């Protein structure tokens, strides 16, 4: 959040690229149309096989 041109600005953030294997979770391309920033997954999670 921050003040820009006298107006409050909110950063709408989303985690993307969270799928595992051949499956897909969510529609990353559609999310990029509405968010102002994104975190892109680039590896496994601690509980992934």
Protein backbone atom coordinates (compact mmCIF):
# COMPACT_ATOMS: atom_id res chain seq x y z
CA UNK A 1 0.00 0.00 0.00
CA UNK A 2 1.11 3.51 -0.57
CA UNK A 3 0.04 7.00 -1.50
CA UNK A 4 0.36 7.86 -5.19
CA UNK A 5 -0.95 11.09 -6.76
CA UNK A 6 -2.90 11.76 -3.57
CA UNK A 7 -4.76 8.44 -3.85
CA UNK A 8 -4.29 5.26 -1.85
CA UNK A 9 -2.76 2.47 -3.93
CA UNK A 10 -3.20 -1.19 -2.94
CA UNK A 11 -0.94 -3.93 -4.30
CA UNK A 12 -3.08 -6.96 -5.20
CA UNK A 13 -0.66 -9.91 -5.05
CA UNK A 14 -1.11 -13.58 -5.97
CA UNK A 15 0.97 -16.77 -5.81
CA UNK A 16 1.24 -18.34 -9.28
CA UNK A 17 2.80 -21.48 -10.73
CA UNK A 18 1.70 -23.62 -7.78
CA UNK A 19 0.78 -26.71 -9.81
CA UNK A 20 2.56 -30.03 -9.28
CA UNK A 21 3.35 -32.53 -12.05
CA UNK A 22 1.17 -32.61 -15.16
CA UNK A 23 -1.83 -31.19 -13.29
CA UNK A 24 -2.78 -27.54 -13.27
CA UNK A 25 -4.04 -25.53 -10.32
CA UNK A 26 -5.84 -22.33 -11.20
CA UNK A 27 -5.62 -20.09 -14.25
CA UNK A 28 -2.35 -18.15 -13.95
CA UNK A 29 -2.90 -16.20 -17.18
CA UNK A 30 -6.29 -14.95 -15.97
CA UNK A 31 -4.85 -13.99 -12.58
CA UNK A 32 -2.13 -11.90 -14.25
CA UNK A 33 -4.89 -9.82 -15.85
CA UNK A 34 -6.16 -8.62 -12.45
CA UNK A 35 -3.20 -8.56 -10.03
CA UNK A 36 -0.60 -5.82 -9.76
CA UNK A 37 2.19 -8.18 -8.62
CA UNK A 38 2.79 -11.92 -8.44
CA UNK A 39 5.00 -14.45 -6.68
CA UNK A 40 6.09 -17.17 -9.10
CA UNK A 41 6.78 -20.62 -7.65
CA UNK A 42 10.16 -21.93 -8.74
CA UNK A 43 10.61 -25.12 -6.77
CA UNK A 44 9.04 -27.72 -4.55
CA UNK A 45 7.49 -27.31 -1.15
CA UNK A 46 8.77 -29.02 1.98
CA UNK A 47 5.93 -31.58 1.87
CA UNK A 48 6.18 -32.41 -1.86
CA UNK A 49 7.27 -35.96 -2.68
